[in-house]
PDB file of N, CA and C in Angstrom:
ATOM      1  N   MET A   1     123.336  87.788 101.221  1.00  0.00           N
ATOM      2  CA  MET A   1     122.385  87.852 102.451  1.00  0.00           C
ATOM      3  C   MET A   1     122.647  89.394 102.875  1.00  0.00           C
ATOM      4  N   MET A   2     121.385  89.966 103.329  1.00  0.00           N
ATOM      5  CA  MET A   2     121.573  91.167 104.014  1.00  0.00           C
ATOM      6  C   MET A   2     122.179  91.208 105.545  1.00  0.00           C
ATOM      7  N   ASP A   3     122.660  92.252 105.768  1.00  0.00           N
ATOM      8  CA  ASP A   3     123.355  92.304 107.184  1.00  0.00           C
ATOM      9  C   ASP A   3     122.226  92.960 108.006  1.00  0.00           C
ATOM     10  N   ASN A   4     121.745  92.116 108.885  1.00  0.00           N
ATOM     11  CA  ASN A   4     120.440  92.676 109.877  1.00  0.00           C
ATOM     12  C   ASN A   4     120.882  93.444 111.093  1.00  0.00           C
ATOM     13  N   CYS A   5     122.038  93.655 111.293  1.00  0.00           N
ATOM     14  CA  CYS A   5     122.783  94.089 112.590  1.00  0.00           C
ATOM     15  C   CYS A   5     121.650  94.550 113.787  1.00  0.00           C
ATOM     16  N   GLU A   6     121.009  95.536 113.587  1.00  0.00           N
ATOM     17  CA  GLU A   6     120.142  95.894 114.465  1.00  0.00           C
ATOM     18  C   GLU A   6     118.892  95.113 114.896  1.00  0.00           C
ATOM     19  N   TYR A   7     118.622  94.148 114.167  1.00  0.00           N
ATOM     20  CA  TYR A   7     117.505  93.199 114.312  1.00  0.00           C
ATOM     21  C   TYR A   7     118.116  91.821 114.753  1.00  0.00           C
ATOM     22  N   ASP A   8     119.253  91.558 114.531  1.00  0.00           N
ATOM     23  CA  ASP A   8     119.807  90.196 114.851  1.00  0.00           C
ATOM     24  C   ASP A   8     119.236  89.538 116.231  1.00  0.00           C
ATOM     25  N   ASP A   9     119.012  90.462 117.091  1.00  0.00           N
ATOM     26  CA  ASP A   9     118.399  89.877 118.536  1.00  0.00           C
ATOM     27  C   ASP A   9     117.106  89.367 118.446  1.00  0.00           C
ATOM     28  N   ILE A  10     116.348  89.783 117.275  1.00  0.00           N
ATOM     29  CA  ILE A  10     114.828  89.260 117.265  1.00  0.00           C
ATOM     30  C   ILE A  10     114.546  88.634 115.854  1.00  0.00           C
ATOM     31  N   ILE A  11     115.295  88.645 114.942  1.00  0.00           N
ATOM     32  CA  ILE A  11     114.986  88.000 113.748  1.00  0.00           C
ATOM     33  C   ILE A  11     114.627  86.693 113.577  1.00  0.00           C
ATOM     34  N   ASN A  12     115.121  85.964 114.439  1.00  0.00           N
ATOM     35  CA  ASN A  12     114.743  84.567 114.569  1.00  0.00           C
ATOM     36  C   ASN A  12     114.014  83.936 115.669  1.00  0.00           C
ATOM     37  N   LEU A  13     113.231  84.799 116.332  1.00  0.00           N
ATOM     38  CA  LEU A  13     112.416  84.529 117.381  1.00  0.00           C
ATOM     39  C   LEU A  13     111.158  83.983 116.722  1.00  0.00           C
ATOM     40  N   GLU A  14     110.615  82.972 117.617  1.00  0.00           N
ATOM     41  CA  GLU A  14     109.185  82.454 117.178  1.00  0.00           C
ATOM     42  C   GLU A  14     107.884  83.655 117.298  1.00  0.00           C
ATOM     43  N   HIS A  15     107.165  83.553 116.326  1.00  0.00           N
ATOM     44  CA  HIS A  15     106.097  84.434 116.104  1.00  0.00           C
ATOM     45  C   HIS A  15     105.179  84.458 117.489  1.00  0.00           C
ATOM     46  N   PRO A  16     105.103  85.533 118.013  1.00  0.00           N
ATOM     47  CA  PRO A  16     104.260  85.392 119.366  1.00  0.00           C
ATOM     48  C   PRO A  16     102.800  84.833 119.161  1.00  0.00           C
ATOM     49  N   THR A  17     102.268  84.013 120.163  1.00  0.00           N
ATOM     50  CA  THR A  17     100.772  83.628 119.976  1.00  0.00           C
ATOM     51  C   THR A  17     100.243  84.059 121.242  1.00  0.00           C
ATOM     52  N   SER A  18      99.014  84.501 121.033  1.00  0.00           N
ATOM     53  CA  SER A  18      98.226  85.050 122.192  1.00  0.00           C
ATOM     54  C   SER A  18      97.334  84.005 123.087  1.00  0.00           C
ATOM     55  N   LYS A  19      97.582  84.008 124.089  1.00  0.00           N
ATOM     56  CA  LYS A  19      96.974  83.138 125.286  1.00  0.00           C
ATOM     57  C   LYS A  19      95.355  83.371 125.188  1.00  0.00           C
ATOM     58  N   ARG A  20      95.122  84.630 124.923  1.00  0.00           N
ATOM     59  CA  ARG A  20      93.848  85.243 125.054  1.00  0.00           C
ATOM     60  C   ARG A  20      92.892  84.981 123.842  1.00  0.00           C
ATOM     61  N   HIS A  21      93.477  85.143 122.673  1.00  0.00           N
ATOM     62  CA  HIS A  21      92.783  85.114 121.405  1.00  0.00           C
ATOM     63  C   HIS A  21      93.293  83.961 120.309  1.00  0.00           C
ATOM     64  N   PRO A  22      92.501  83.073 120.303  1.00  0.00           N
ATOM     65  CA  PRO A  22      92.909  81.880 119.294  1.00  0.00           C
ATOM     66  C   PRO A  22      93.174  82.444 117.828  1.00  0.00           C
ATOM     67  N   ARG A  23      94.178  81.976 117.419  1.00  0.00           N
ATOM     68  CA  ARG A  23      94.274  82.370 115.663  1.00  0.00           C
ATOM     69  C   ARG A  23      93.102  82.177 114.853  1.00  0.00           C
ATOM     70  N   MET A  24      93.212  83.099 114.127  1.00  0.00           N
ATOM     71  CA  MET A  24      91.940  83.206 113.058  1.00  0.00           C
ATOM     72  C   MET A  24      92.184  81.949 112.181  1.00  0.00           C
ATOM     73  N   THR A  25      90.941  81.408 111.556  1.00  0.00           N
ATOM     74  CA  THR A  25      91.136  80.476 110.349  1.00  0.00           C
ATOM     75  C   THR A  25      91.297  81.337 109.157  1.00  0.00           C
ATOM     76  N   MET A  26      91.677  80.747 108.068  1.00  0.00           N
ATOM     77  CA  MET A  26      91.956  81.523 106.591  1.00  0.00           C
ATOM     78  C   MET A  26      90.813  82.305 106.469  1.00  0.00           C
ATOM     79  N   MET A  27      89.506  81.684 106.515  1.00  0.00           N
ATOM     80  CA  MET A  27      88.240  82.221 106.266  1.00  0.00           C
ATOM     81  C   MET A  27      87.997  83.467 106.915  1.00  0.00           C
ATOM     82  N   GLN A  28      88.098  83.400 108.293  1.00  0.00           N
ATOM     83  CA  GLN A  28      88.027  84.381 109.181  1.00  0.00           C
ATOM     84  C   GLN A  28      88.804  85.562 108.840  1.00  0.00           C
ATOM     85  N   ARG A  29      90.100  85.354 108.499  1.00  0.00           N
ATOM     86  CA  ARG A  29      91.081  86.296 107.842  1.00  0.00           C
ATOM     87  C   ARG A  29      90.555  87.027 106.686  1.00  0.00           C
ATOM     88  N   ALA A  30      90.326  86.106 105.650  1.00  0.00           N
ATOM     89  CA  ALA A  30      89.903  86.622 104.486  1.00  0.00           C
ATOM     90  C   ALA A  30      88.550  87.497 104.613  1.00  0.00           C
ATOM     91  N   ALA A  31      87.776  87.278 105.486  1.00  0.00           N
ATOM     92  CA  ALA A  31      86.310  87.889 105.700  1.00  0.00           C
ATOM     93  C   ALA A  31      86.795  89.411 105.918  1.00  0.00           C
ATOM     94  N   GLN A  32      87.951  89.610 106.741  1.00  0.00           N
ATOM     95  CA  GLN A  32      88.162  91.009 107.078  1.00  0.00           C
ATOM     96  C   GLN A  32      88.523  91.960 105.835  1.00  0.00           C
ATOM     97  N   PHE A  33      88.856  91.241 104.798  1.00  0.00           N
ATOM     98  CA  PHE A  33      89.343  91.898 103.533  1.00  0.00           C
ATOM     99  C   PHE A  33      88.201  92.057 102.501  1.00  0.00           C
ATOM    100  N   THR A  34      87.123  91.550 102.738  1.00  0.00           N
ATOM    101  CA  THR A  34      86.028  91.380 101.852  1.00  0.00           C
ATOM    102  C   THR A  34      85.359  92.686 101.718  1.00  0.00           C
ATOM    103  N   PRO A  35      84.822  93.208 100.463  1.00  0.00           N
ATOM    104  CA  PRO A  35      84.275  94.419 100.238  1.00  0.00           C
ATOM    105  C   PRO A  35      83.126  94.710 101.486  1.00  0.00           C
ATOM    106  N   PHE A  36      82.829  95.880 101.593  1.00  0.00           N
ATOM    107  CA  PHE A  36      81.832  96.233 102.938  1.00  0.00           C
ATOM    108  C   PHE A  36      81.079  97.173 102.118  1.00  0.00           C
ATOM    109  N   ALA A  37      80.582  97.186 101.234  1.00  0.00           N
ATOM    110  CA  ALA A  37      79.474  98.037 100.400  1.00  0.00           C
ATOM    111  C   ALA A  37      80.083  99.488 100.474  1.00  0.00           C
ATOM    112  N   ALA A  38      81.633  99.439 100.104  1.00  0.00           N
ATOM    113  CA  ALA A  38      81.827 100.990  99.933  1.00  0.00           C
ATOM    114  C   ALA A  38      81.392 101.779  98.696  1.00  0.00           C
ATOM    115  N   LEU A  39      81.141 100.774  97.686  1.00  0.00           N
ATOM    116  CA  LEU A  39      80.523 101.473  96.493  1.00  0.00           C
ATOM    117  C   LEU A  39      79.040 101.006  96.465  1.00  0.00           C
ATOM    118  N   ASN A  40      78.365 101.804  96.988  1.00  0.00           N
ATOM    119  CA  ASN A  40      76.792 101.536  97.014  1.00  0.00           C
ATOM    120  C   ASN A  40      76.497 101.795  95.448  1.00  0.00           C
ATOM    121  N   GLY A  41      75.576 100.699  95.364  1.00  0.00           N
ATOM    122  CA  GLY A  41      75.007 100.710  93.789  1.00  0.00           C
ATOM    123  C   GLY A  41      75.897 100.236  92.705  1.00  0.00           C
ATOM    124  N   HIS A  42      77.290 100.039  93.093  1.00  0.00           N
ATOM    125  CA  HIS A  42      78.069  99.252  92.174  1.00  0.00           C
ATOM    126  C   HIS A  42      77.633  98.186  91.491  1.00  0.00           C
ATOM    127  N   SER A  43      77.291  97.187  92.428  1.00  0.00           N
ATOM    128  CA  SER A  43      76.902  95.878  91.737  1.00  0.00           C
ATOM    129  C   SER A  43      75.561  96.208  90.907  1.00  0.00           C
ATOM    130  N   GLU A  44      74.461  96.780  91.236  1.00  0.00           N
ATOM    131  CA  GLU A  44      73.487  97.081  90.342  1.00  0.00           C
ATOM    132  C   GLU A  44      73.650  97.653  89.161  1.00  0.00           C
ATOM    133  N   SER A  45      74.712  98.574  89.102  1.00  0.00           N
ATOM    134  CA  SER A  45      75.208  99.380  87.946  1.00  0.00           C
ATOM    135  C   SER A  45      75.701  98.419  87.024  1.00  0.00           C
ATOM    136  N   ILE A  46      76.737  97.338  87.571  1.00  0.00           N
ATOM    137  CA  ILE A  46      77.351  96.357  86.609  1.00  0.00           C
ATOM    138  C   ILE A  46      76.301  95.437  86.003  1.00  0.00           C
ATOM    139  N   GLY A  47      75.306  95.182  86.959  1.00  0.00           N
ATOM    140  CA  GLY A  47      74.114  94.188  86.467  1.00  0.00           C
ATOM    141  C   GLY A  47      73.479  94.806  85.269  1.00  0.00           C
ATOM    142  N   ASN A  48      73.168  96.199  85.385  1.00  0.00           N
ATOM    143  CA  ASN A  48      72.562  97.004  84.263  1.00  0.00           C
ATOM    144  C   ASN A  48      73.241  96.795  83.060  1.00  0.00           C
ATOM    145  N   ALA A  49      74.565  97.104  83.087  1.00  0.00           N
ATOM    146  CA  ALA A  49      75.481  97.305  82.037  1.00  0.00           C
ATOM    147  C   ALA A  49      75.681  95.811  81.363  1.00  0.00           C
ATOM    148  N   ALA A  50      75.703  94.939  82.165  1.00  0.00           N
ATOM    149  CA  ALA A  50      75.588  93.714  81.394  1.00  0.00           C
ATOM    150  C   ALA A  50      74.452  93.219  80.914  1.00  0.00           C
ATOM    151  N   GLN A  51      73.093  93.630  81.287  1.00  0.00           N
ATOM    152  CA  GLN A  51      72.108  93.292  80.633  1.00  0.00           C
ATOM    153  C   GLN A  51      71.837  94.183  79.381  1.00  0.00           C
ATOM    154  N   GLN A  52      72.420  95.305  79.375  1.00  0.00           N
ATOM    155  CA  GLN A  52      72.321  96.378  78.195  1.00  0.00           C
ATOM    156  C   GLN A  52      73.174  95.649  77.095  1.00  0.00           C
ATOM    157  N   TRP A  53      74.468  95.123  77.363  1.00  0.00           N
ATOM    158  CA  TRP A  53      75.141  94.458  76.619  1.00  0.00           C
ATOM    159  C   TRP A  53      74.583  93.237  76.012  1.00  0.00           C
ATOM    160  N   GLU A  54      73.975  92.455  76.773  1.00  0.00           N
ATOM    161  CA  GLU A  54      73.525  91.321  76.371  1.00  0.00           C
ATOM    162  C   GLU A  54      72.235  91.454  75.400  1.00  0.00           C
ATOM    163  N   GLN A  55      71.429  92.667  75.557  1.00  0.00           N
ATOM    164  CA  GLN A  55      70.400  92.991  74.817  1.00  0.00           C
ATOM    165  C   GLN A  55      70.970  93.448  73.476  1.00  0.00           C
ATOM    166  N   LEU A  56      71.943  94.103  73.480  1.00  0.00           N
ATOM    167  CA  LEU A  56      72.735  94.663  72.220  1.00  0.00           C
ATOM    168  C   LEU A  56      73.181  93.728  71.518  1.00  0.00           C
ATOM    169  N   HIS A  57      73.820  92.829  72.158  1.00  0.00           N
ATOM    170  CA  HIS A  57      74.392  91.357  71.568  1.00  0.00           C
ATOM    171  C   HIS A  57      73.472  90.598  70.817  1.00  0.00           C
ATOM    172  N   ASP A  58      72.120  90.409  71.465  1.00  0.00           N
ATOM    173  CA  ASP A  58      71.134  89.917  71.016  1.00  0.00           C
ATOM    174  C   ASP A  58      70.368  90.458  69.745  1.00  0.00           C
ATOM    175  N   HIS A  59      70.336  91.755  69.820  1.00  0.00           N
ATOM    176  CA  HIS A  59      69.731  92.469  68.659  1.00  0.00           C
ATOM    177  C   HIS A  59      70.858  92.553  67.350  1.00  0.00           C
ATOM    178  N   ALA A  60      72.032  92.694  67.586  1.00  0.00           N
ATOM    179  CA  ALA A  60      73.076  92.691  66.749  1.00  0.00           C
ATOM    180  C   ALA A  60      73.012  91.436  65.837  1.00  0.00           C
ATOM    181  N   ASP A  61      72.658  90.194  66.332  1.00  0.00           N
ATOM    182  CA  ASP A  61      72.444  89.028  65.551  1.00  0.00           C
ATOM    183  C   ASP A  61      71.222  89.181  64.600  1.00  0.00           C
ATOM    184  N   THR A  62      70.181  89.844  65.014  1.00  0.00           N
ATOM    185  CA  THR A  62      69.178  90.003  64.162  1.00  0.00           C
ATOM    186  C   THR A  62      69.053  91.261  63.018  1.00  0.00           C
ATOM    187  N   GLY A  63      70.251  92.022  63.242  1.00  0.00           N
ATOM    188  CA  GLY A  63      70.565  93.191  62.278  1.00  0.00           C
ATOM    189  C   GLY A  63      69.891  94.374  62.778  1.00  0.00           C
ATOM    190  N   CYS A  64      69.258  94.222  63.998  1.00  0.00           N
ATOM    191  CA  CYS A  64      68.579  95.565  64.450  1.00  0.00           C
ATOM    192  C   CYS A  64      69.705  96.539  65.157  1.00  0.00           C
ATOM    193  N   ALA A  65      69.672  97.785  64.696  1.00  0.00           N
ATOM    194  CA  ALA A  65      70.999  98.498  65.411  1.00  0.00           C
ATOM    195  C   ALA A  65      70.473  99.285  66.685  1.00  0.00           C
ATOM    196  N   GLU A  66      69.305  99.285  66.936  1.00  0.00           N
ATOM    197  CA  GLU A  66      68.840 100.182  68.177  1.00  0.00           C
ATOM    198  C   GLU A  66      68.224  99.008  69.168  1.00  0.00           C
ATOM    199  N   LEU A  67      68.257  99.301  70.551  1.00  0.00           N
ATOM    200  CA  LEU A  67      67.773  98.607  71.503  1.00  0.00           C
ATOM    201  C   LEU A  67      66.192  98.849  71.446  1.00  0.00           C
ATOM    202  N   PRO A  68      65.513  97.959  72.127  1.00  0.00           N
ATOM    203  CA  PRO A  68      64.057  98.147  72.124  1.00  0.00           C
ATOM    204  C   PRO A  68      63.898  98.937  73.695  1.00  0.00           C
ATOM    205  N   GLU A  69      62.943  99.716  73.684  1.00  0.00           N
ATOM    206  CA  GLU A  69      62.646 100.378  74.954  1.00  0.00           C
ATOM    207  C   GLU A  69      61.890  99.619  76.073  1.00  0.00           C
TER     208      GLU A  69
END
């Protein structure tokens, strides 16, 4: 076990609880870390790529090498 010397006085203290602010639920805490549209257009780009892949996959089954326009 590590020797905590300079923290020995606080290491076993109970976690402080605010009297003013109730604890957040796990859902509230998780919501703080959800994406906030930092990558504008990313979802649309992923959707387009998926659609193109599906079209390519569907046409590969028929022997067609090119995508329809």
